[in-house]
C-alpha atoms as a PDB file:
ATOM      1  CA  MET A   1      91.629  89.423 105.547  1.00  0.00           C
ATOM      2  CA  ASN A   2      95.283  88.556 107.064  1.00  0.00           C
ATOM      3  CA  ASN A   3      97.737  87.311 104.459  1.00  0.00           C
ATOM      4  CA  PRO A   4     100.636  86.046 106.103  1.00  0.00           C
ATOM      5  CA  HIS A   5     102.578  86.511 102.682  1.00  0.00           C
ATOM      6  CA  ALA A   6     101.736  90.322 102.497  1.00  0.00           C
ATOM      7  CA  SER A   7     104.588  92.872 103.884  1.00  0.00           C
ATOM      8  CA  SER A   8     103.956  95.385 106.680  1.00  0.00           C
ATOM      9  CA  VAL A   9     102.736  98.724 106.226  1.00  0.00           C
ATOM     10  CA  ILE A  10     104.087 101.181 108.974  1.00  0.00           C
ATOM     11  CA  TRP A  11     101.499 103.899 109.179  1.00  0.00           C
ATOM     12  CA  PHE A  12     102.300 107.478 109.984  1.00  0.00           C
ATOM     13  CA  ASP A  13     100.502 110.496 110.873  1.00  0.00           C
ATOM     14  CA  GLY A  14      96.849 109.481 109.916  1.00  0.00           C
ATOM     15  CA  GLY A  15      97.990 107.069 107.424  1.00  0.00           C
ATOM     16  CA  MET A  16     100.808 108.281 105.477  1.00  0.00           C
ATOM     17  CA  THR A  17     102.628 105.899 103.492  1.00  0.00           C
ATOM     18  CA  THR A  18     105.101 107.554 101.865  1.00  0.00           C
ATOM     19  CA  ALA A  19     107.968 110.215 102.044  1.00  0.00           C
ATOM     20  CA  SER A  20     106.367 112.368  99.359  1.00  0.00           C
ATOM     21  CA  GLU A  21     103.682 113.229 101.837  1.00  0.00           C
ATOM     22  CA  LEU A  22     105.967 114.681 104.234  1.00  0.00           C
ATOM     23  CA  TRP A  23     109.243 116.172 101.827  1.00  0.00           C
ATOM     24  CA  THR A  24     110.106 117.381  98.453  1.00  0.00           C
ATOM     25  CA  ALA A  25     113.664 117.305  96.821  1.00  0.00           C
ATOM     26  CA  GLU A  26     114.726 119.999  94.389  1.00  0.00           C
ATOM     27  CA  ILE A  27     117.897 121.408  93.037  1.00  0.00           C
ATOM     28  CA  GLU A  28     118.683 125.411  94.614  1.00  0.00           C
ATOM     29  CA  LEU A  29     121.766 127.035  92.283  1.00  0.00           C
ATOM     30  CA  VAL A  30     124.133 128.190  94.743  1.00  0.00           C
ATOM     31  CA  PRO A  31     125.440 131.990  93.168  1.00  0.00           C
ATOM     32  CA  LEU A  32     129.092 132.111  92.945  1.00  0.00           C
ATOM     33  CA  SER A  33     130.897 135.110  94.962  1.00  0.00           C
ATOM     34  CA  PRO A  34     133.721 136.530  92.871  1.00  0.00           C
ATOM     35  CA  LEU A  35     136.059 134.628  94.621  1.00  0.00           C
ATOM     36  CA  LYS A  36     134.422 131.818  94.164  1.00  0.00           C
ATOM     37  CA  ALA A  37     133.939 132.290  90.683  1.00  0.00           C
ATOM     38  CA  VAL A  38     137.591 132.641  89.925  1.00  0.00           C
ATOM     39  CA  VAL A  39     138.471 129.345  91.768  1.00  0.00           C
ATOM     40  CA  ARG A  40     135.778 127.700  89.741  1.00  0.00           C
ATOM     41  CA  THR A  41     137.320 128.989  86.513  1.00  0.00           C
ATOM     42  CA  VAL A  42     140.809 127.805  87.702  1.00  0.00           C
ATOM     43  CA  ALA A  43     139.212 124.300  88.978  1.00  0.00           C
ATOM     44  CA  THR A  44     137.633 123.888  85.469  1.00  0.00           C
ATOM     45  CA  VAL A  45     141.036 124.622  84.130  1.00  0.00           C
ATOM     46  CA  GLY A  46     142.999 122.530  86.029  1.00  0.00           C
ATOM     47  CA  ALA A  47     140.345 119.392  85.171  1.00  0.00           C
ATOM     48  CA  LEU A  48     140.333 119.895  81.498  1.00  0.00           C
ATOM     49  CA  ALA A  49     144.073 120.084  81.558  1.00  0.00           C
ATOM     50  CA  ALA A  50     144.377 116.955  83.919  1.00  0.00           C
ATOM     51  CA  SER A  51     141.974 115.091  81.597  1.00  0.00           C
ATOM     52  CA  VAL A  52     144.129 115.696  78.587  1.00  0.00           C
ATOM     53  CA  ILE A  53     146.916 114.279  80.125  1.00  0.00           C
ATOM     54  CA  GLY A  54     145.330 111.362  81.382  1.00  0.00           C
ATOM     55  CA  LEU A  55     144.997 112.291  85.081  1.00  0.00           C
ATOM     56  CA  GLY A  56     141.165 112.505  85.233  1.00  0.00           C
ATOM     57  CA  GLY A  57     139.066 115.396  84.759  1.00  0.00           C
ATOM     58  CA  GLU A  58     136.629 116.110  88.000  1.00  0.00           C
ATOM     59  CA  SER A  59     135.497 119.092  89.333  1.00  0.00           C
ATOM     60  CA  TRP A  60     137.988 120.484  92.187  1.00  0.00           C
ATOM     61  CA  GLY A  61     135.931 124.083  92.347  1.00  0.00           C
ATOM     62  CA  PRO A  62     132.931 124.879  95.205  1.00  0.00           C
ATOM     63  CA  GLY A  63     129.441 123.551  94.810  1.00  0.00           C
ATOM     64  CA  THR A  64     127.217 124.892  92.484  1.00  0.00           C
ATOM     65  CA  ALA A  65     124.077 123.428  92.740  1.00  0.00           C
ATOM     66  CA  ASP A  66     122.989 121.691  95.924  1.00  0.00           C
ATOM     67  CA  LEU A  67     120.018 118.912  96.534  1.00  0.00           C
ATOM     68  CA  VAL A  68     117.354 120.069  99.173  1.00  0.00           C
ATOM     69  CA  ILE A  69     115.194 118.079 100.668  1.00  0.00           C
ATOM     70  CA  ARG A  70     112.448 120.452 102.586  1.00  0.00           C
ATOM     71  CA  ARG A  71     109.240 120.002 104.800  1.00  0.00           C
ATOM     72  CA  ILE A  72     106.030 120.519 102.966  1.00  0.00           C
ATOM     73  CA  SER A  73     104.205 121.885 105.794  1.00  0.00           C
ATOM     74  CA  ASP A  74     106.358 124.833 106.378  1.00  0.00           C
ATOM     75  CA  GLY A  75     109.701 124.270 104.092  1.00  0.00           C
ATOM     76  CA  HIS A  76     112.344 123.693 106.381  1.00  0.00           C
ATOM     77  CA  VAL A  77     115.260 122.354 105.188  1.00  0.00           C
ATOM     78  CA  MET A  78     115.917 118.633 106.561  1.00  0.00           C
ATOM     79  CA  TYR A  79     118.930 118.005 104.169  1.00  0.00           C
ATOM     80  CA  ARG A  80     121.308 119.871 102.210  1.00  0.00           C
ATOM     81  CA  ALA A  81     124.020 118.638  99.932  1.00  0.00           C
ATOM     82  CA  SER A  82     126.234 120.444  97.683  1.00  0.00           C
ATOM     83  CA  GLN A  83     127.358 119.445  94.467  1.00  0.00           C
ATOM     84  CA  ASN A  84     130.056 120.157  92.134  1.00  0.00           C
ATOM     85  CA  ASP A  85     128.677 118.908  89.190  1.00  0.00           C
ATOM     86  CA  GLY A  86     124.979 119.184  87.478  1.00  0.00           C
ATOM     87  CA  ASP A  87     124.613 115.979  86.098  1.00  0.00           C
ATOM     88  CA  THR A  88     125.310 114.678  89.163  1.00  0.00           C
ATOM     89  CA  ALA A  89     122.976 116.668  91.155  1.00  0.00           C
ATOM     90  CA  GLU A  90     120.366 115.816  88.730  1.00  0.00           C
ATOM     91  CA  ALA A  91     121.020 111.756  89.207  1.00  0.00           C
ATOM     92  CA  LEU A  92     121.009 112.559  92.853  1.00  0.00           C
ATOM     93  CA  LEU A  93     117.831 114.113  92.724  1.00  0.00           C
ATOM     94  CA  GLY A  94     116.200 111.333  90.533  1.00  0.00           C
ATOM     95  CA  LEU A  95     117.525 109.228  93.523  1.00  0.00           C
ATOM     96  CA  ALA A  96     115.588 110.856  95.901  1.00  0.00           C
ATOM     97  CA  ILE A  97     112.191 111.948  93.827  1.00  0.00           C
ATOM     98  CA  GLU A  98     112.168 107.945  93.512  1.00  0.00           C
ATOM     99  CA  GLU A  99     112.896 107.323  97.353  1.00  0.00           C
ATOM    100  CA  LEU A 100     110.052 109.807  98.284  1.00  0.00           C
ATOM    101  CA  GLU A 101     107.649 108.318  96.301  1.00  0.00           C
ATOM    102  CA  THR A 102     108.788 104.187  97.103  1.00  0.00           C
ATOM    103  CA  LEU A 103     109.966 104.563 100.936  1.00  0.00           C
ATOM    104  CA  SER A 104     107.992 105.236 104.021  1.00  0.00           C
ATOM    105  CA  PRO A 105     108.691 108.614 105.754  1.00  0.00           C
ATOM    106  CA  GLU A 106     110.846 106.651 108.415  1.00  0.00           C
ATOM    107  CA  GLN A 107     112.948 104.589 105.685  1.00  0.00           C
ATOM    108  CA  PHE A 108     113.550 107.810 103.951  1.00  0.00           C
ATOM    109  CA  ALA A 109     114.889 109.630 106.973  1.00  0.00           C
ATOM    110  CA  ASP A 110     117.211 106.718 107.974  1.00  0.00           C
ATOM    111  CA  GLU A 111     118.398 106.590 104.167  1.00  0.00           C
ATOM    112  CA  TRP A 112     118.840 110.635 104.065  1.00  0.00           C
ATOM    113  CA  GLY A 113     120.725 110.359 107.529  1.00  0.00           C
ATOM    114  CA  PHE A 114     117.884 112.882 109.149  1.00  0.00           C
ATOM    115  CA  GLU A 115     115.859 112.889 111.849  1.00  0.00           C
ATOM    116  CA  ARG A 116     112.627 113.169 110.649  1.00  0.00           C
ATOM    117  CA  ASP A 117     111.042 115.661 113.067  1.00  0.00           C
ATOM    118  CA  GLN A 118     114.162 117.801 113.472  1.00  0.00           C
ATOM    119  CA  PRO A 119     113.253 121.619 113.197  1.00  0.00           C
ATOM    120  CA  HIS A 120     115.517 122.505 110.200  1.00  0.00           C
ATOM    121  CA  VAL A 121     119.104 122.426 108.652  1.00  0.00           C
ATOM    122  CA  HIS A 122     121.017 126.108 109.054  1.00  0.00           C
END
């Protein structure tokens, strides 16, 4: 029975309906080289000093966590975004997981800016 008010469903790869059937999202901690560790320490001290004098306290150092979206079938990285702040990385991960579970593969790939069939990100 056809319902004219029902939303249309786009079927992918044998009936897939959500992006979570193709991809997974996770946070990868990025080890800091000695030079990056020094830069991170200086940036943290600078951010703390700036917050004390009212200039804001954003982190200015190198990324310490990456949000990574991988293809389940072969583990290839489809998307990677470095985050300077663990809270930001966790919030972005939450958004990615929510969208993986609710969006179609096509919608998710469009939303996150990658080609659905790309081989991988280097």
